[in-house]
Protein backbone atom coordinates (compact mmCIF):
# COMPACT_ATOMS: atom_id res chain seq x y z
CA UNK A 1 -0.02 -0.02 -0.01
CA UNK A 2 1.22 3.50 -0.85
CA UNK A 3 0.64 6.56 1.21
CA UNK A 4 0.53 10.02 -0.33
CA UNK A 5 1.53 13.11 1.58
CA UNK A 6 -1.18 15.61 2.53
CA UNK A 7 1.16 18.13 4.19
CA UNK A 8 3.14 19.07 7.27
CA UNK A 9 1.82 20.69 10.45
CA UNK A 10 3.24 22.24 13.62
CA UNK A 11 0.82 21.26 16.36
CA UNK A 12 0.71 22.30 20.01
CA UNK A 13 -0.66 19.53 22.20
CA UNK A 14 -3.86 19.73 24.12
CA UNK A 15 -3.43 18.41 27.65
CA UNK A 16 -5.64 15.84 29.38
CA UNK A 17 -7.31 18.48 31.55
CA UNK A 18 -8.70 20.17 28.39
CA UNK A 19 -9.60 16.96 26.58
CA UNK A 20 -12.36 16.02 29.08
CA UNK A 21 -14.75 18.15 27.01
CA UNK A 22 -14.56 15.60 24.21
CA UNK A 23 -13.28 12.48 25.89
CA UNK A 24 -14.72 10.42 28.70
CA UNK A 25 -12.21 9.93 31.53
CA UNK A 26 -11.61 6.21 31.03
CA UNK A 27 -10.51 6.81 27.47
CA UNK A 28 -8.82 10.20 27.52
CA UNK A 29 -5.13 10.13 26.63
CA UNK A 30 -2.54 12.06 28.70
CA UNK A 31 -1.88 14.44 25.83
CA UNK A 32 -3.16 14.75 22.27
CA UNK A 33 -2.02 16.13 18.98
CA UNK A 34 -4.42 16.57 15.96
CA UNK A 35 -4.54 18.77 12.89
CA UNK A 36 -8.10 19.79 13.91
CA UNK A 37 -7.58 23.53 14.70
CA UNK A 38 -10.65 23.48 16.92
CA UNK A 39 -8.87 21.07 19.33
CA UNK A 40 -5.21 22.00 19.03
CA UNK A 41 -3.32 25.16 18.20
CA UNK A 42 -1.71 24.85 14.72
CA UNK A 43 1.17 27.23 13.84
CA UNK A 44 0.69 29.34 11.95
CA UNK A 45 -3.05 28.91 12.12
CA UNK A 46 -5.70 30.42 9.85
CA UNK A 47 -4.95 33.77 11.49
CA UNK A 48 -1.49 33.76 9.82
CA UNK A 49 -1.81 35.63 6.46
CA UNK A 50 -2.09 39.42 6.73
CA UNK A 51 -5.14 39.43 4.48
CA UNK A 52 -7.08 37.44 7.13
CA UNK A 53 -8.89 39.58 9.63
CA UNK A 54 -9.08 37.61 12.90
CA UNK A 55 -10.49 39.11 16.01
CA UNK A 56 -8.17 41.26 18.18
CA UNK A 57 -8.70 38.74 21.02
CA UNK A 58 -7.55 35.86 18.86
CA UNK A 59 -4.36 37.68 17.77
CA UNK A 60 -3.71 38.72 21.33
CA UNK A 61 -3.96 35.13 22.52
CA UNK A 62 -1.46 34.10 19.83
CA UNK A 63 0.90 36.93 20.75
CA UNK A 64 0.88 35.96 24.42
CA UNK A 65 1.21 32.24 23.69
CA UNK A 66 4.35 32.92 21.64
CA UNK A 67 5.68 35.68 23.90
CA UNK A 68 5.83 38.15 21.03
CA UNK A 69 5.58 41.90 20.84
CA UNK A 70 2.93 43.42 18.60
CA UNK A 71 5.63 44.31 16.08
CA UNK A 72 7.08 40.76 16.09
CA UNK A 73 3.56 39.33 15.41
CA UNK A 74 3.34 41.67 12.41
CA UNK A 75 6.65 40.34 11.11
CA UNK A 76 5.47 36.75 11.70
CA UNK A 77 2.38 37.31 9.59
CA UNK A 78 4.41 38.96 6.82
CA UNK A 79 6.66 35.91 6.88
CA UNK A 80 3.61 33.69 6.34
CA UNK A 81 2.66 35.87 3.33
CA UNK A 82 6.11 35.36 1.90
CA UNK A 83 5.96 31.57 2.31
CA UNK A 84 2.53 31.44 0.61
CA UNK A 85 4.01 33.41 -2.28
CA UNK A 86 6.91 30.85 -2.44
CA UNK A 87 4.42 27.97 -2.55
CA UNK A 88 5.72 26.30 0.62
CA UNK A 89 2.79 27.21 2.89
CA UNK A 90 -0.83 26.58 1.99
CA UNK A 91 -4.18 27.86 3.18
CA UNK A 92 -5.18 27.65 5.97
CA UNK A 93 -2.49 26.07 8.14
CA UNK A 94 -0.42 23.52 6.23
CA UNK A 95 3.28 23.50 5.21
CA UNK A 96 4.09 22.03 1.84
CA UNK A 97 7.82 21.94 2.53
CA UNK A 98 9.39 20.49 5.73
CA UNK A 99 12.21 23.02 5.87
CA UNK A 100 9.79 25.90 5.86
CA UNK A 101 8.08 24.35 8.88
CA UNK A 102 11.40 23.82 10.64
CA UNK A 103 12.36 27.47 9.94
CA UNK A 104 9.08 28.69 11.44
CA UNK A 105 9.54 26.52 14.50
CA UNK A 106 13.12 27.80 14.92
CA UNK A 107 12.02 31.44 14.61
CA UNK A 108 8.90 31.36 16.77
CA UNK A 109 8.16 28.10 18.59
CA UNK A 110 11.46 26.83 19.98
CA UNK A 111 10.52 27.88 23.54
CA UNK A 112 7.36 25.73 23.45
CA UNK A 113 7.90 22.19 24.75
CA UNK A 114 4.62 20.64 23.63
CA UNK A 115 4.83 21.18 19.81
CA UNK A 116 5.29 18.31 17.44
CA UNK A 117 6.11 18.39 13.72
CA UNK A 118 3.54 16.09 12.10
CA UNK A 119 2.59 15.00 8.63
CA UNK A 120 -0.57 13.42 7.41
CA UNK A 121 -0.71 10.85 4.56
CA UNK A 122 -3.63 9.20 2.80
CA UNK A 123 -3.72 5.58 1.60
CA UNK A 124 -3.72 5.24 -2.17
CA UNK A 125 -7.13 3.70 -2.25
CA UNK A 126 -8.72 6.92 -0.91
CA UNK A 127 -6.75 9.41 -3.06
CA UNK A 128 -9.08 9.54 -6.12
CA UNK A 129 -12.05 10.17 -3.88
CA UNK A 130 -10.20 12.96 -2.08
CA UNK A 131 -9.11 14.71 -5.26
CA UNK A 132 -12.54 14.56 -6.78
CA UNK A 133 -14.32 15.90 -3.71
CA UNK A 134 -11.67 18.48 -2.86
CA UNK A 135 -11.57 19.92 -6.38
CA UNK A 136 -15.31 20.32 -6.32
CA UNK A 137 -15.51 21.95 -2.94
CA UNK A 138 -12.90 24.66 -3.24
CA UNK A 139 -11.50 24.83 -6.76
CA UNK A 140 -8.10 23.60 -5.57
CA UNK A 141 -7.12 26.66 -3.49
CA UNK A 142 -6.19 24.99 -0.25
CA UNK A 143 -2.76 23.58 0.67
CA UNK A 144 -3.79 20.03 1.32
CA UNK A 145 -5.40 19.75 -2.15
CA UNK A 146 -2.25 21.25 -3.73
CA UNK A 147 -0.09 18.74 -1.88
CA UNK A 148 -2.25 15.80 -2.82
CA UNK A 149 -2.24 16.79 -6.48
CA UNK A 150 1.54 16.14 -6.45
CA UNK A 151 0.97 12.57 -5.22
CA UNK A 152 4.21 12.67 -3.34
CA UNK A 153 5.09 9.54 -1.31
CA UNK A 154 4.92 9.88 2.45
CA UNK A 155 8.38 10.76 3.79
CA UNK A 156 10.39 8.85 6.37
CA UNK A 157 9.55 9.73 9.92
CA UNK A 158 10.66 9.40 13.49
CA UNK A 159 7.54 7.42 14.45
CA UNK A 160 4.00 6.84 13.34
CA UNK A 161 1.24 7.88 15.70
CA UNK A 162 -1.32 5.75 13.89
CA UNK A 163 -4.43 6.40 11.84
CA UNK A 164 -6.84 9.25 12.68
CA UNK A 165 -10.30 9.48 11.21
CA UNK A 166 -10.30 13.04 9.85
CA UNK A 167 -13.07 14.88 8.01
CA UNK A 168 -11.78 17.11 5.24
CA UNK A 169 -13.74 20.37 4.95
CA UNK A 170 -12.46 22.94 2.40
CA UNK A 171 -8.82 22.69 3.49
CA UNK A 172 -9.32 22.13 7.23
CA UNK A 173 -10.03 18.94 9.16
CA UNK A 174 -12.51 17.78 11.76
CA UNK A 175 -11.28 15.09 14.09
CA UNK A 176 -13.54 12.16 15.06
CA UNK A 177 -13.04 13.39 18.64
CA UNK A 178 -15.33 16.37 18.30
CA UNK A 179 -18.20 13.98 17.56
CA UNK A 180 -17.41 11.80 20.58
CA UNK A 181 -16.91 8.86 18.18
CA UNK A 182 -14.14 7.21 20.19
CA UNK A 183 -16.93 5.89 22.42
CA UNK A 184 -18.82 4.42 19.47
CA UNK A 185 -15.61 2.98 17.97
CA UNK A 186 -15.07 1.14 21.28
CA UNK A 187 -18.65 0.01 22.03
CA UNK A 188 -19.93 -0.76 18.49
CA UNK A 189 -16.68 -1.74 16.65
CA UNK A 190 -14.49 -2.98 19.48
CA UNK A 191 -11.72 -0.56 18.32
CA UNK A 192 -9.20 0.62 20.90
CA UNK A 193 -7.06 3.73 20.59
CA UNK A 194 -3.33 3.81 21.25
CA UNK A 195 -1.45 6.22 23.57
CA UNK A 196 -1.56 8.92 20.90
CA UNK A 197 -5.36 8.58 20.61
CA UNK A 198 -5.02 7.01 17.20
CA UNK A 199 -5.89 3.62 15.61
CA UNK A 200 -2.88 1.31 15.01
CA UNK A 201 -4.54 -1.11 12.55
CA UNK A 202 -5.42 0.03 9.02
CA UNK A 203 -8.34 -2.33 8.66
CA UNK A 204 -9.82 -1.10 11.90
CA UNK A 205 -9.37 2.44 10.71
CA UNK A 206 -11.34 1.76 7.54
CA UNK A 207 -14.10 0.25 9.63
CA UNK A 208 -14.11 3.39 11.75
CA UNK A 209 -14.35 5.52 8.59
CA UNK A 210 -17.28 3.42 7.25
CA UNK A 211 -19.08 3.85 10.58
CA UNK A 212 -18.36 7.63 10.69
CA UNK A 213 -19.92 8.08 7.28
CA UNK A 214 -23.24 6.49 8.22
CA UNK A 215 -26.11 9.01 8.30
CA UNK A 216 -27.12 7.55 11.63
CA UNK A 217 -23.74 8.39 13.22
CA UNK A 218 -24.39 12.10 12.94
CA UNK A 219 -20.77 13.16 12.26
CA UNK A 220 -19.85 16.61 10.87
CA UNK A 221 -20.66 16.92 7.16
CA UNK A 222 -17.16 16.36 5.77
CA UNK A 223 -15.12 13.84 3.76
CA UNK A 224 -14.11 11.29 6.38
CA UNK A 225 -11.02 9.25 5.60
CA UNK A 226 -8.25 7.39 7.44
CA UNK A 227 -5.20 9.60 7.52
CA UNK A 228 -1.87 8.26 8.83
CA UNK A 229 -0.23 10.71 11.24
CA UNK A 230 3.55 10.66 11.36
CA UNK A 231 6.02 12.57 13.55
CA UNK A 232 9.21 14.13 12.18
CA UNK A 233 12.38 15.57 13.60
CA UNK A 234 12.50 19.25 14.63
CA UNK A 235 16.23 19.89 14.25
CA UNK A 236 17.43 23.49 14.72
CA UNK A 237 17.55 25.66 11.63
CA UNK A 238 20.21 28.40 11.67
CA UNK A 239 19.36 31.91 10.55
CA UNK A 240 20.77 32.90 7.18
């Protein structure tokens, strides 16, 4: 089976204390990383480009989280613009080149201890469906679609976290977690999650996808597929 790269993400973990909203205590992992921006902070997030107009409160939260001055935050957003112009960062929050992600981490995130450098990859049997649906939903503007069009093989990684059932929605993703489906996976499908809150076995992941897509399940209206989540090295990148 081949896996095709959907992009790279810098993800700040959500701790156990904040996961209780979506996860019953017996199942909740100690810490969780996902490319769902509703659950985890992604850097840079959809607030990144200067042409986006997020609320002042959202930008202030970002500024405080990264310990930046207002001027430094402006420079960060201008950097995002430049990377989009270069074609190495895609809307709304995905890196298309690993070195650009490492540079951003080196510049702005190196003081944060709970950030991981992740990629998502899609099994070959789901690629045609993804490209067809993604092209129809957003005319190919988002970064994940651009990356999938290249059909680049998934890169080597430090470790694989497992499969996450993610719902693609015009460039962003919903995680199964927001629909409380980990309980249904356990009770109806006898699927257990690993320490990363992911599914280890591909066949079980496809069963979880099929269940998520049922009208009776009531999941978010999105393209639900089994994405493999891999972790990569965040080595220091020196300034030029």
